[in-house]
Amino acid sequence: MKTRVMNIAWNFLKSRYSNSKAIFTQRLIEMWFRHYSRQAGKQDSCGFEHVFVGEFKQNKATRKVEVVGLHNWVQLYLLEKSGKLNYQGYMAQVHIEEIRYNFVNFIALSQLAM
C-alpha cells in the first residue's frame, strides 16, 4: 500500500469500499490471494494465479488440457521469448477473443474478456 500505484488505487476505490485503509488492504488480499474452488470442490485457485500465472484444466468435452487465465501479456512475452510458448494468432468472436498458442506441448486456448 506504500507505492504510488496502490495509493492511486486506494484513492479511486475508497469511496466504493471503505474509508479504512486496513479494511481495503484486507479485502484486496482476499480478492487476489484467497483460494476458491475452480472444479471438483478443491480450494485450488486464486485470482492472482489465474491472471498472472494461468491454470491448466482438462476440457470435459474434448479431454484436452487447456490453459485458462494467463491474461498477463508480459508473462506471455517471456514464455514466448524462452521458447516455451509459440503464439499462433487469434480468432475474434462476438465479445471474446481466443489466443491460440502451443504451451509446453499442449494446444491451449486462453479466453480474454473484451
PDB file of N, CA and C in Angstrom:
ATOM      1  N   MET A   1       0.817  -1.198   0.000  1.00  0.00           N
ATOM      2  CA  MET A   1       0.000   0.000   0.000  1.00  0.00           C
ATOM      3  C   MET A   1       0.863   1.265   0.000  1.00  0.00           C
ATOM      4  N   LYS A   2       2.161   1.103  -0.016  1.00  0.00           N
ATOM      5  CA  LYS A   2       3.036   2.268   0.074  1.00  0.00           C
ATOM      6  C   LYS A   2       3.528   2.766  -1.282  1.00  0.00           C
ATOM      7  N   THR A   3       3.149   2.097  -2.357  1.00  0.00           N
ATOM      8  CA  THR A   3       3.606   2.534  -3.673  1.00  0.00           C
ATOM      9  C   THR A   3       2.627   3.551  -4.269  1.00  0.00           C
ATOM     10  N   ARG A   4       3.097   4.282  -5.265  1.00  0.00           N
ATOM     11  CA  ARG A   4       2.257   5.287  -5.939  1.00  0.00           C
ATOM     12  C   ARG A   4       1.026   4.629  -6.569  1.00  0.00           C
ATOM     13  N   VAL A   5       1.239   3.473  -7.208  1.00  0.00           N
ATOM     14  CA  VAL A   5       0.136   2.770  -7.868  1.00  0.00           C
ATOM     15  C   VAL A   5      -0.936   2.366  -6.861  1.00  0.00           C
ATOM     16  N   MET A   6      -0.533   1.850  -5.709  1.00  0.00           N
ATOM     17  CA  MET A   6      -1.512   1.433  -4.702  1.00  0.00           C
ATOM     18  C   MET A   6      -2.231   2.640  -4.107  1.00  0.00           C
ATOM     19  N   ASN A   7      -1.551   3.764  -3.977  1.00  0.00           N
ATOM     20  CA  ASN A   7      -2.220   4.981  -3.488  1.00  0.00           C
ATOM     21  C   ASN A   7      -3.245   5.494  -4.495  1.00  0.00           C
ATOM     22  N   ILE A   8      -2.938   5.399  -5.777  1.00  0.00           N
ATOM     23  CA  ILE A   8      -3.911   5.781  -6.804  1.00  0.00           C
ATOM     24  C   ILE A   8      -5.122   4.861  -6.726  1.00  0.00           C
ATOM     25  N   ALA A   9      -4.880   3.560  -6.603  1.00  0.00           N
ATOM     26  CA  ALA A   9      -5.985   2.597  -6.480  1.00  0.00           C
ATOM     27  C   ALA A   9      -6.816   2.893  -5.232  1.00  0.00           C
ATOM     28  N   TRP A  10      -6.149   3.144  -4.120  1.00  0.00           N
ATOM     29  CA  TRP A  10      -6.843   3.448  -2.862  1.00  0.00           C
ATOM     30  C   TRP A  10      -7.723   4.689  -3.012  1.00  0.00           C
ATOM     31  N   ASN A  11      -7.180   5.751  -3.580  1.00  0.00           N
ATOM     32  CA  ASN A  11      -7.950   6.983  -3.747  1.00  0.00           C
ATOM     33  C   ASN A  11      -9.159   6.787  -4.660  1.00  0.00           C
ATOM     34  N   PHE A  12      -9.028   5.936  -5.659  1.00  0.00           N
ATOM     35  CA  PHE A  12     -10.141   5.662  -6.551  1.00  0.00           C
ATOM     36  C   PHE A  12     -11.203   4.790  -5.880  1.00  0.00           C
ATOM     37  N   LEU A  13     -10.782   3.796  -5.132  1.00  0.00           N
ATOM     38  CA  LEU A  13     -11.718   2.795  -4.601  1.00  0.00           C
ATOM     39  C   LEU A  13     -12.240   3.068  -3.191  1.00  0.00           C
ATOM     40  N   LYS A  14     -11.634   3.993  -2.460  1.00  0.00           N
ATOM     41  CA  LYS A  14     -12.033   4.160  -1.062  1.00  0.00           C
ATOM     42  C   LYS A  14     -13.489   4.576  -0.892  1.00  0.00           C
ATOM     43  N   SER A  15     -14.038   5.327  -1.822  1.00  0.00           N
ATOM     44  CA  SER A  15     -15.440   5.722  -1.703  1.00  0.00           C
ATOM     45  C   SER A  15     -16.378   4.545  -1.985  1.00  0.00           C
ATOM     46  N   ARG A  16     -15.869   3.524  -2.663  1.00  0.00           N
ATOM     47  CA  ARG A  16     -16.696   2.365  -3.005  1.00  0.00           C
ATOM     48  C   ARG A  16     -16.611   1.256  -1.964  1.00  0.00           C
ATOM     49  N   TYR A  17     -15.537   1.181  -1.215  1.00  0.00           N
ATOM     50  CA  TYR A  17     -15.341   0.080  -0.272  1.00  0.00           C
ATOM     51  C   TYR A  17     -15.378   0.526   1.180  1.00  0.00           C
ATOM     52  N   SER A  18     -14.463   1.374   1.543  1.00  0.00           N
ATOM     53  CA  SER A  18     -14.356   1.767   2.942  1.00  0.00           C
ATOM     54  C   SER A  18     -13.347   2.905   3.048  1.00  0.00           C
ATOM     55  N   ASN A  19     -13.528   3.744   4.021  1.00  0.00           N
ATOM     56  CA  ASN A  19     -12.531   4.794   4.260  1.00  0.00           C
ATOM     57  C   ASN A  19     -11.376   4.286   5.110  1.00  0.00           C
ATOM     58  N   SER A  20     -11.392   3.010   5.438  1.00  0.00           N
ATOM     59  CA  SER A  20     -10.328   2.414   6.236  1.00  0.00           C
ATOM     60  C   SER A  20      -9.325   1.719   5.326  1.00  0.00           C
ATOM     61  N   LYS A  21      -8.067   2.171   5.373  1.00  0.00           N
ATOM     62  CA  LYS A  21      -7.029   1.523   4.570  1.00  0.00           C
ATOM     63  C   LYS A  21      -6.827   0.080   4.998  1.00  0.00           C
ATOM     64  N   ALA A  22      -6.978  -0.196   6.278  1.00  0.00           N
ATOM     65  CA  ALA A  22      -6.799  -1.558   6.787  1.00  0.00           C
ATOM     66  C   ALA A  22      -7.853  -2.497   6.195  1.00  0.00           C
ATOM     67  N   ILE A  23      -9.112  -2.057   6.153  1.00  0.00           N
ATOM     68  CA  ILE A  23     -10.176  -2.885   5.580  1.00  0.00           C
ATOM     69  C   ILE A  23      -9.962  -3.060   4.083  1.00  0.00           C
ATOM     70  N   PHE A  24      -9.597  -1.977   3.402  1.00  0.00           N
ATOM     71  CA  PHE A  24      -9.326  -2.044   1.974  1.00  0.00           C
ATOM     72  C   PHE A  24      -8.199  -3.036   1.693  1.00  0.00           C
ATOM     73  N   THR A  25      -7.123  -2.967   2.460  1.00  0.00           N
ATOM     74  CA  THR A  25      -5.981  -3.860   2.281  1.00  0.00           C
ATOM     75  C   THR A  25      -6.404  -5.312   2.485  1.00  0.00           C
ATOM     76  N   GLN A  26      -7.187  -5.569   3.525  1.00  0.00           N
ATOM     77  CA  GLN A  26      -7.654  -6.928   3.799  1.00  0.00           C
ATOM     78  C   GLN A  26      -8.526  -7.449   2.655  1.00  0.00           C
ATOM     79  N   ARG A  27      -9.428  -6.634   2.155  1.00  0.00           N
ATOM     80  CA  ARG A  27     -10.288  -7.056   1.034  1.00  0.00           C
ATOM     81  C   ARG A  27      -9.472  -7.314  -0.223  1.00  0.00           C
ATOM     82  N   LEU A  28      -8.484  -6.480  -0.468  1.00  0.00           N
ATOM     83  CA  LEU A  28      -7.615  -6.660  -1.626  1.00  0.00           C
ATOM     84  C   LEU A  28      -6.871  -7.991  -1.536  1.00  0.00           C
ATOM     85  N   ILE A  29      -6.336  -8.289  -0.372  1.00  0.00           N
ATOM     86  CA  ILE A  29      -5.632  -9.560  -0.164  1.00  0.00           C
ATOM     87  C   ILE A  29      -6.585 -10.733  -0.369  1.00  0.00           C
ATOM     88  N   GLU A  30      -7.789 -10.633   0.159  1.00  0.00           N
ATOM     89  CA  GLU A  30      -8.774 -11.702  -0.006  1.00  0.00           C
ATOM     90  C   GLU A  30      -9.125 -11.902  -1.479  1.00  0.00           C
ATOM     91  N   MET A  31      -9.346 -10.808  -2.214  1.00  0.00           N
ATOM     92  CA  MET A  31      -9.735 -10.921  -3.627  1.00  0.00           C
ATOM     93  C   MET A  31      -8.640 -11.569  -4.474  1.00  0.00           C
ATOM     94  N   TRP A  32      -7.377 -11.240  -4.208  1.00  0.00           N
ATOM     95  CA  TRP A  32      -6.287 -11.746  -5.027  1.00  0.00           C
ATOM     96  C   TRP A  32      -5.734 -13.083  -4.574  1.00  0.00           C
ATOM     97  N   PHE A  33      -5.737 -13.347  -3.263  1.00  0.00           N
ATOM     98  CA  PHE A  33      -4.982 -14.499  -2.768  1.00  0.00           C
ATOM     99  C   PHE A  33      -5.793 -15.566  -2.037  1.00  0.00           C
ATOM    100  N   ARG A  34      -7.061 -15.321  -1.710  1.00  0.00           N
ATOM    101  CA  ARG A  34      -7.868 -16.358  -1.062  1.00  0.00           C
ATOM    102  C   ARG A  34      -8.188 -17.429  -2.102  1.00  0.00           C
ATOM    103  N   HIS A  35      -7.978 -18.672  -1.725  1.00  0.00           N
ATOM    104  CA  HIS A  35      -8.246 -19.779  -2.646  1.00  0.00           C
ATOM    105  C   HIS A  35      -9.743 -20.029  -2.770  1.00  0.00           C
ATOM    106  N   TYR A  36     -10.133 -20.437  -3.956  1.00  0.00           N
ATOM    107  CA  TYR A  36     -11.514 -20.806  -4.237  1.00  0.00           C
ATOM    108  C   TYR A  36     -11.502 -22.078  -5.084  1.00  0.00           C
ATOM    109  N   SER A  37     -12.663 -22.694  -5.213  1.00  0.00           N
ATOM    110  CA  SER A  37     -12.773 -23.927  -5.964  1.00  0.00           C
ATOM    111  C   SER A  37     -13.030 -23.624  -7.435  1.00  0.00           C
ATOM    112  N   ARG A  38     -12.157 -24.103  -8.275  1.00  0.00           N
ATOM    113  CA  ARG A  38     -12.307 -23.962  -9.720  1.00  0.00           C
ATOM    114  C   ARG A  38     -13.055 -25.159 -10.289  1.00  0.00           C
ATOM    115  N   GLN A  39     -12.823 -26.318  -9.706  1.00  0.00           N
ATOM    116  CA  GLN A  39     -13.510 -27.530 -10.141  1.00  0.00           C
ATOM    117  C   GLN A  39     -13.379 -28.600  -9.065  1.00  0.00           C
ATOM    118  N   ALA A  40     -14.322 -29.487  -9.017  1.00  0.00           N
ATOM    119  CA  ALA A  40     -14.314 -30.653  -8.121  1.00  0.00           C
ATOM    120  C   ALA A  40     -14.252 -30.280  -6.640  1.00  0.00           C
ATOM    121  N   GLY A  41     -14.645 -29.072  -6.279  1.00  0.00           N
ATOM    122  CA  GLY A  41     -14.720 -28.682  -4.880  1.00  0.00           C
ATOM    123  C   GLY A  41     -13.404 -28.436  -4.175  1.00  0.00           C
ATOM    124  N   LYS A  42     -12.267 -28.580  -4.872  1.00  0.00           N
ATOM    125  CA  LYS A  42     -10.970 -28.340  -4.247  1.00  0.00           C
ATOM    126  C   LYS A  42     -10.669 -26.845  -4.236  1.00  0.00           C
ATOM    127  N   GLN A  43     -10.162 -26.342  -3.113  1.00  0.00           N
ATOM    128  CA  GLN A  43      -9.737 -24.939  -3.000  1.00  0.00           C
ATOM    129  C   GLN A  43      -8.340 -24.839  -3.613  1.00  0.00           C
ATOM    130  N   ASP A  44      -8.281 -24.698  -4.943  1.00  0.00           N
ATOM    131  CA  ASP A  44      -7.001 -24.840  -5.634  1.00  0.00           C
ATOM    132  C   ASP A  44      -6.605 -23.661  -6.511  1.00  0.00           C
ATOM    133  N   SER A  45      -7.289 -22.544  -6.389  1.00  0.00           N
ATOM    134  CA  SER A  45      -7.005 -21.437  -7.291  1.00  0.00           C
ATOM    135  C   SER A  45      -7.199 -20.110  -6.574  1.00  0.00           C
ATOM    136  N   CYS A  46      -6.587 -19.064  -7.101  1.00  0.00           N
ATOM    137  CA  CYS A  46      -6.819 -17.711  -6.593  1.00  0.00           C
ATOM    138  C   CYS A  46      -6.746 -16.742  -7.772  1.00  0.00           C
ATOM    139  N   GLY A  47      -7.250 -15.547  -7.583  1.00  0.00           N
ATOM    140  CA  GLY A  47      -7.288 -14.562  -8.652  1.00  0.00           C
ATOM    141  C   GLY A  47      -5.916 -14.227  -9.210  1.00  0.00           C
ATOM    142  N   PHE A  48      -4.937 -14.062  -8.332  1.00  0.00           N
ATOM    143  CA  PHE A  48      -3.584 -13.724  -8.768  1.00  0.00           C
ATOM    144  C   PHE A  48      -3.023 -14.821  -9.669  1.00  0.00           C
ATOM    145  N   GLU A  49      -3.168 -16.066  -9.244  1.00  0.00           N
ATOM    146  CA  GLU A  49      -2.676 -17.193 -10.034  1.00  0.00           C
ATOM    147  C   GLU A  49      -3.358 -17.233 -11.400  1.00  0.00           C
ATOM    148  N   HIS A  50      -4.673 -17.069 -11.414  1.00  0.00           N
ATOM    149  CA  HIS A  50      -5.425 -17.128 -12.664  1.00  0.00           C
ATOM    150  C   HIS A  50      -4.950 -16.062 -13.653  1.00  0.00           C
ATOM    151  N   VAL A  51      -4.789 -14.838 -13.187  1.00  0.00           N
ATOM    152  CA  VAL A  51      -4.443 -13.720 -14.074  1.00  0.00           C
ATOM    153  C   VAL A  51      -2.974 -13.735 -14.482  1.00  0.00           C
ATOM    154  N   PHE A  52      -2.060 -13.945 -13.539  1.00  0.00           N
ATOM    155  CA  PHE A  52      -0.641 -13.749 -13.820  1.00  0.00           C
ATOM    156  C   PHE A  52       0.133 -15.021 -14.148  1.00  0.00           C
ATOM    157  N   VAL A  53      -0.378 -16.188 -13.752  1.00  0.00           N
ATOM    158  CA  VAL A  53       0.341 -17.435 -13.977  1.00  0.00           C
ATOM    159  C   VAL A  53      -0.387 -18.320 -14.977  1.00  0.00           C
ATOM    160  N   GLY A  54      -1.706 -18.357 -14.896  1.00  0.00           N
ATOM    161  CA  GLY A  54      -2.501 -19.250 -15.727  1.00  0.00           C
ATOM    162  C   GLY A  54      -2.697 -20.573 -15.009  1.00  0.00           C
ATOM    163  N   GLU A  55      -3.685 -21.322 -15.468  1.00  0.00           N
ATOM    164  CA  GLU A  55      -4.001 -22.596 -14.825  1.00  0.00           C
ATOM    165  C   GLU A  55      -4.293 -23.630 -15.903  1.00  0.00           C
ATOM    166  N   PHE A  56      -3.871 -24.867 -15.660  1.00  0.00           N
ATOM    167  CA  PHE A  56      -4.207 -25.964 -16.559  1.00  0.00           C
ATOM    168  C   PHE A  56      -5.554 -26.535 -16.143  1.00  0.00           C
ATOM    169  N   LYS A  57      -6.381 -26.870 -17.121  1.00  0.00           N
ATOM    170  CA  LYS A  57      -7.619 -27.589 -16.830  1.00  0.00           C
ATOM    171  C   LYS A  57      -7.900 -28.514 -17.996  1.00  0.00           C
ATOM    172  N   GLN A  58      -8.636 -29.579 -17.707  1.00  0.00           N
ATOM    173  CA  GLN A  58      -8.996 -30.515 -18.760  1.00  0.00           C
ATOM    174  C   GLN A  58     -10.379 -30.165 -19.278  1.00  0.00           C
ATOM    175  N   ASN A  59     -10.483 -29.973 -20.585  1.00  0.00           N
ATOM    176  CA  ASN A  59     -11.756 -29.704 -21.226  1.00  0.00           C
ATOM    177  C   ASN A  59     -12.587 -30.978 -21.169  1.00  0.00           C
ATOM    178  N   LYS A  60     -13.761 -30.906 -20.536  1.00  0.00           N
ATOM    179  CA  LYS A  60     -14.587 -32.104 -20.350  1.00  0.00           C
ATOM    180  C   LYS A  60     -15.062 -32.682 -21.675  1.00  0.00           C
ATOM    181  N   ALA A  61     -15.345 -31.841 -22.653  1.00  0.00           N
ATOM    182  CA  ALA A  61     -15.858 -32.306 -23.945  1.00  0.00           C
ATOM    183  C   ALA A  61     -14.765 -32.955 -24.795  1.00  0.00           C
ATOM    184  N   THR A  62     -13.605 -32.301 -24.894  1.00  0.00           N
ATOM    185  CA  THR A  62     -12.548 -32.787 -25.786  1.00  0.00           C
ATOM    186  C   THR A  62     -11.494 -33.613 -25.057  1.00  0.00           C
ATOM    187  N   ARG A  63     -11.480 -33.546 -23.718  1.00  0.00           N
ATOM    188  CA  ARG A  63     -10.494 -34.226 -22.865  1.00  0.00           C
ATOM    189  C   ARG A  63      -9.078 -33.683 -23.076  1.00  0.00           C
ATOM    190  N   LYS A  64      -8.946 -32.552 -23.773  1.00  0.00           N
ATOM    191  CA  LYS A  64      -7.638 -31.934 -23.976  1.00  0.00           C
ATOM    192  C   LYS A  64      -7.337 -30.997 -22.815  1.00  0.00           C
ATOM    193  N   VAL A  65      -6.055 -30.841 -22.531  1.00  0.00           N
ATOM    194  CA  VAL A  65      -5.623 -29.912 -21.486  1.00  0.00           C
ATOM    195  C   VAL A  65      -5.555 -28.515 -22.079  1.00  0.00           C
ATOM    196  N   GLU A  66      -6.119 -27.543 -21.378  1.00  0.00           N
ATOM    197  CA  GLU A  66      -6.126 -26.147 -21.822  1.00  0.00           C
ATOM    198  C   GLU A  66      -5.525 -25.273 -20.732  1.00  0.00           C
ATOM    199  N   VAL A  67      -5.048 -24.121 -21.142  1.00  0.00           N
ATOM    200  CA  VAL A  67      -4.604 -23.107 -20.198  1.00  0.00           C
ATOM    201  C   VAL A  67      -5.707 -22.065 -20.119  1.00  0.00           C
ATOM    202  N   VAL A  68      -6.141 -21.748 -18.911  1.00  0.00           N
ATOM    203  CA  VAL A  68      -7.121 -20.676 -18.716  1.00  0.00           C
ATOM    204  C   VAL A  68      -6.452 -19.570 -17.923  1.00  0.00           C
ATOM    205  N   GLY A  69      -6.962 -18.387 -18.052  1.00  0.00           N
ATOM    206  CA  GLY A  69      -6.333 -17.253 -17.388  1.00  0.00           C
ATOM    207  C   GLY A  69      -5.140 -16.788 -18.196  1.00  0.00           C
ATOM    208  N   LEU A  70      -4.040 -16.563 -17.509  1.00  0.00           N
ATOM    209  CA  LEU A  70      -2.804 -16.076 -18.123  1.00  0.00           C
ATOM    210  C   LEU A  70      -3.092 -14.845 -18.973  1.00  0.00           C
ATOM    211  N   HIS A  71      -3.717 -13.845 -18.351  1.00  0.00           N
ATOM    212  CA  HIS A  71      -4.095 -12.614 -19.037  1.00  0.00           C
ATOM    213  C   HIS A  71      -2.978 -11.576 -19.009  1.00  0.00           C
ATOM    214  N   ASN A  72      -1.806 -11.965 -18.586  1.00  0.00           N
ATOM    215  CA  ASN A  72      -0.688 -11.063 -18.392  1.00  0.00           C
ATOM    216  C   ASN A  72       0.214 -11.090 -19.634  1.00  0.00           C
ATOM    217  N   TRP A  73       0.179 -10.036 -20.443  1.00  0.00           N
ATOM    218  CA  TRP A  73       0.944 -10.013 -21.687  1.00  0.00           C
ATOM    219  C   TRP A  73       2.442 -10.088 -21.438  1.00  0.00           C
ATOM    220  N   VAL A  74       2.934  -9.602 -20.301  1.00  0.00           N
ATOM    221  CA  VAL A  74       4.369  -9.676 -20.004  1.00  0.00           C
ATOM    222  C   VAL A  74       4.779 -11.138 -19.846  1.00  0.00           C
ATOM    223  N   GLN A  75       3.969 -11.909 -19.129  1.00  0.00           N
ATOM    224  CA  GLN A  75       4.263 -13.337 -18.947  1.00  0.00           C
ATOM    225  C   GLN A  75       4.207 -14.066 -20.291  1.00  0.00           C
ATOM    226  N   LEU A  76       3.223 -13.739 -21.138  1.00  0.00           N
ATOM    227  CA  LEU A  76       3.148 -14.354 -22.463  1.00  0.00           C
ATOM    228  C   LEU A  76       4.411 -14.049 -23.271  1.00  0.00           C
ATOM    229  N   TYR A  77       4.862 -12.804 -23.222  1.00  0.00           N
ATOM    230  CA  TYR A  77       6.077 -12.404 -23.932  1.00  0.00           C
ATOM    231  C   TYR A  77       7.286 -13.198 -23.436  1.00  0.00           C
ATOM    232  N   LEU A  78       7.434 -13.303 -22.114  1.00  0.00           N
ATOM    233  CA  LEU A  78       8.585 -14.013 -21.551  1.00  0.00           C
ATOM    234  C   LEU A  78       8.548 -15.506 -21.889  1.00  0.00           C
ATOM    235  N   LEU A  79       7.355 -16.107 -21.863  1.00  0.00           N
ATOM    236  CA  LEU A  79       7.233 -17.519 -22.223  1.00  0.00           C
ATOM    237  C   LEU A  79       7.584 -17.741 -23.690  1.00  0.00           C
ATOM    238  N   GLU A  80       7.141 -16.845 -24.567  1.00  0.00           N
ATOM    239  CA  GLU A  80       7.460 -16.993 -25.982  1.00  0.00           C
ATOM    240  C   GLU A  80       8.956 -16.778 -26.226  1.00  0.00           C
ATOM    241  N   LYS A  81       9.522 -15.775 -25.574  1.00  0.00           N
ATOM    242  CA  LYS A  81      10.951 -15.475 -25.724  1.00  0.00           C
ATOM    243  C   LYS A  81      11.811 -16.663 -25.276  1.00  0.00           C
ATOM    244  N   SER A  82      11.365 -17.382 -24.230  1.00  0.00           N
ATOM    245  CA  SER A  82      12.126 -18.525 -23.724  1.00  0.00           C
ATOM    246  C   SER A  82      11.880 -19.803 -24.529  1.00  0.00           C
ATOM    247  N   GLY A  83      10.971 -19.755 -25.508  1.00  0.00           N
ATOM    248  CA  GLY A  83      10.691 -20.924 -26.336  1.00  0.00           C
ATOM    249  C   GLY A  83       9.661 -21.872 -25.748  1.00  0.00           C
ATOM    250  N   LYS A  84       9.031 -21.508 -24.650  1.00  0.00           N
ATOM    251  CA  LYS A  84       8.028 -22.370 -24.008  1.00  0.00           C
ATOM    252  C   LYS A  84       6.629 -22.143 -24.560  1.00  0.00           C
ATOM    253  N   LEU A  85       6.457 -21.111 -25.349  1.00  0.00           N
ATOM    254  CA  LEU A  85       5.148 -20.781 -25.905  1.00  0.00           C
ATOM    255  C   LEU A  85       5.344 -20.360 -27.348  1.00  0.00           C
ATOM    256  N   ASN A  86       4.462 -20.792 -28.223  1.00  0.00           N
ATOM    257  CA  ASN A  86       4.520 -20.401 -29.628  1.00  0.00           C
ATOM    258  C   ASN A  86       3.199 -19.750 -29.994  1.00  0.00           C
ATOM    259  N   TYR A  87       3.185 -18.441 -30.077  1.00  0.00           N
ATOM    260  CA  TYR A  87       1.969 -17.692 -30.412  1.00  0.00           C
ATOM    261  C   TYR A  87       1.535 -18.025 -31.830  1.00  0.00           C
ATOM    262  N   GLN A  88       0.258 -18.404 -32.008  1.00  0.00           N
ATOM    263  CA  GLN A  88      -0.238 -18.816 -33.316  1.00  0.00           C
ATOM    264  C   GLN A  88      -1.340 -17.914 -33.849  1.00  0.00           C
ATOM    265  N   GLY A  89      -1.509 -16.734 -33.288  1.00  0.00           N
ATOM    266  CA  GLY A  89      -2.536 -15.816 -33.767  1.00  0.00           C
ATOM    267  C   GLY A  89      -3.770 -15.840 -32.892  1.00  0.00           C
ATOM    268  N   TYR A  90      -4.788 -15.123 -33.317  1.00  0.00           N
ATOM    269  CA  TYR A  90      -6.019 -15.059 -32.534  1.00  0.00           C
ATOM    270  C   TYR A  90      -7.218 -15.210 -33.452  1.00  0.00           C
ATOM    271  N   MET A  91      -8.348 -15.554 -32.838  1.00  0.00           N
ATOM    272  CA  MET A  91      -9.614 -15.680 -33.548  1.00  0.00           C
ATOM    273  C   MET A  91     -10.619 -14.824 -32.805  1.00  0.00           C
ATOM    274  N   ALA A  92     -11.165 -13.809 -33.451  1.00  0.00           N
ATOM    275  CA  ALA A  92     -12.130 -12.926 -32.793  1.00  0.00           C
ATOM    276  C   ALA A  92     -13.513 -13.563 -32.813  1.00  0.00           C
ATOM    277  N   GLN A  93     -14.235 -13.427 -31.711  1.00  0.00           N
ATOM    278  CA  GLN A  93     -15.618 -13.866 -31.624  1.00  0.00           C
ATOM    279  C   GLN A  93     -16.430 -12.709 -31.076  1.00  0.00           C
ATOM    280  N   VAL A  94     -17.692 -12.902 -30.851  1.00  0.00           N
ATOM    281  CA  VAL A  94     -18.606 -11.815 -30.500  1.00  0.00           C
ATOM    282  C   VAL A  94     -18.031 -10.868 -29.447  1.00  0.00           C
ATOM    283  N   HIS A  95     -17.829 -11.316 -28.219  1.00  0.00           N
ATOM    284  CA  HIS A  95     -17.289 -10.450 -27.170  1.00  0.00           C
ATOM    285  C   HIS A  95     -16.052 -11.063 -26.512  1.00  0.00           C
ATOM    286  N   ILE A  96     -15.530 -12.093 -27.122  1.00  0.00           N
ATOM    287  CA  ILE A  96     -14.372 -12.778 -26.546  1.00  0.00           C
ATOM    288  C   ILE A  96     -13.358 -12.990 -27.661  1.00  0.00           C
ATOM    289  N   GLU A  97     -12.100 -12.864 -27.332  1.00  0.00           N
ATOM    290  CA  GLU A  97     -11.049 -13.230 -28.262  1.00  0.00           C
ATOM    291  C   GLU A  97     -10.338 -14.442 -27.693  1.00  0.00           C
ATOM    292  N   GLU A  98     -10.008 -15.358 -28.550  1.00  0.00           N
ATOM    293  CA  GLU A  98      -9.234 -16.510 -28.131  1.00  0.00           C
ATOM    294  C   GLU A  98      -7.845 -16.369 -28.730  1.00  0.00           C
ATOM    295  N   ILE A  99      -6.861 -16.549 -27.917  1.00  0.00           N
ATOM    296  CA  ILE A  99      -5.486 -16.544 -28.393  1.00  0.00           C
ATOM    297  C   ILE A  99      -5.032 -17.993 -28.409  1.00  0.00           C
ATOM    298  N   ARG A 100      -4.599 -18.461 -29.554  1.00  0.00           N
ATOM    299  CA  ARG A 100      -4.192 -19.858 -29.696  1.00  0.00           C
ATOM    300  C   ARG A 100      -2.670 -19.916 -29.677  1.00  0.00           C
ATOM    301  N   TYR A 101      -2.125 -20.845 -28.869  1.00  0.00           N
ATOM    302  CA  TYR A 101      -0.687 -20.999 -28.796  1.00  0.00           C
ATOM    303  C   TYR A 101      -0.326 -22.394 -28.309  1.00  0.00           C
ATOM    304  N   ASN A 102       0.883 -22.821 -28.651  1.00  0.00           N
ATOM    305  CA  ASN A 102       1.434 -24.055 -28.097  1.00  0.00           C
ATOM    306  C   ASN A 102       2.089 -23.691 -26.780  1.00  0.00           C
ATOM    307  N   PHE A 103       1.803 -24.451 -25.745  1.00  0.00           N
ATOM    308  CA  PHE A 103       2.368 -24.158 -24.426  1.00  0.00           C
ATOM    309  C   PHE A 103       2.769 -25.473 -23.798  1.00  0.00           C
ATOM    310  N   VAL A 104       4.033 -25.677 -23.634  1.00  0.00           N
ATOM    311  CA  VAL A 104       4.567 -26.895 -23.031  1.00  0.00           C
ATOM    312  C   VAL A 104       3.918 -28.131 -23.682  1.00  0.00           C
ATOM    313  N   ASN A 105       3.979 -28.192 -24.988  1.00  0.00           N
ATOM    314  CA  ASN A 105       3.483 -29.311 -25.780  1.00  0.00           C
ATOM    315  C   ASN A 105       1.968 -29.495 -25.746  1.00  0.00           C
ATOM    316  N   PHE A 106       1.207 -28.490 -25.359  1.00  0.00           N
ATOM    317  CA  PHE A 106      -0.254 -28.546 -25.409  1.00  0.00           C
ATOM    318  C   PHE A 106      -0.754 -27.443 -26.337  1.00  0.00           C
ATOM    319  N   ILE A 107      -1.869 -27.670 -27.020  1.00  0.00           N
ATOM    320  CA  ILE A 107      -2.563 -26.579 -27.699  1.00  0.00           C
ATOM    321  C   ILE A 107      -3.476 -25.992 -26.634  1.00  0.00           C
ATOM    322  N   ALA A 108      -3.392 -24.701 -26.399  1.00  0.00           N
ATOM    323  CA  ALA A 108      -4.150 -24.088 -25.319  1.00  0.00           C
ATOM    324  C   ALA A 108      -4.965 -22.922 -25.841  1.00  0.00           C
ATOM    325  N   LEU A 109      -6.076 -22.698 -25.217  1.00  0.00           N
ATOM    326  CA  LEU A 109      -6.901 -21.534 -25.521  1.00  0.00           C
ATOM    327  C   LEU A 109      -6.975 -20.688 -24.271  1.00  0.00           C
ATOM    328  N   SER A 110      -6.672 -19.445 -24.398  1.00  0.00           N
ATOM    329  CA  SER A 110      -6.802 -18.519 -23.281  1.00  0.00           C
ATOM    330  C   SER A 110      -7.858 -17.511 -23.655  1.00  0.00           C
ATOM    331  N   GLN A 111      -8.932 -17.467 -22.907  1.00  0.00           N
ATOM    332  CA  GLN A 111     -10.013 -16.528 -23.227  1.00  0.00           C
ATOM    333  C   GLN A 111      -9.772 -15.216 -22.519  1.00  0.00           C
ATOM    334  N   LEU A 112      -9.786 -14.157 -23.286  1.00  0.00           N
ATOM    335  CA  LEU A 112      -9.586 -12.825 -22.750  1.00  0.00           C
ATOM    336  C   LEU A 112     -10.897 -12.065 -22.871  1.00  0.00           C
ATOM    337  N   ALA A 113     -11.422 -11.588 -21.759  1.00  0.00           N
ATOM    338  CA  ALA A 113     -12.654 -10.803 -21.797  1.00  0.00           C
ATOM    339  C   ALA A 113     -12.389  -9.504 -22.542  1.00  0.00           C
ATOM    340  N   MET A 114     -13.260  -9.171 -23.425  1.00  0.00           N
ATOM    341  CA  MET A 114     -13.110  -7.945 -24.223  1.00  0.00           C
ATOM    342  C   MET A 114     -13.705  -6.779 -23.486  1.00  0.00           C
TER     343      MET A 114
END
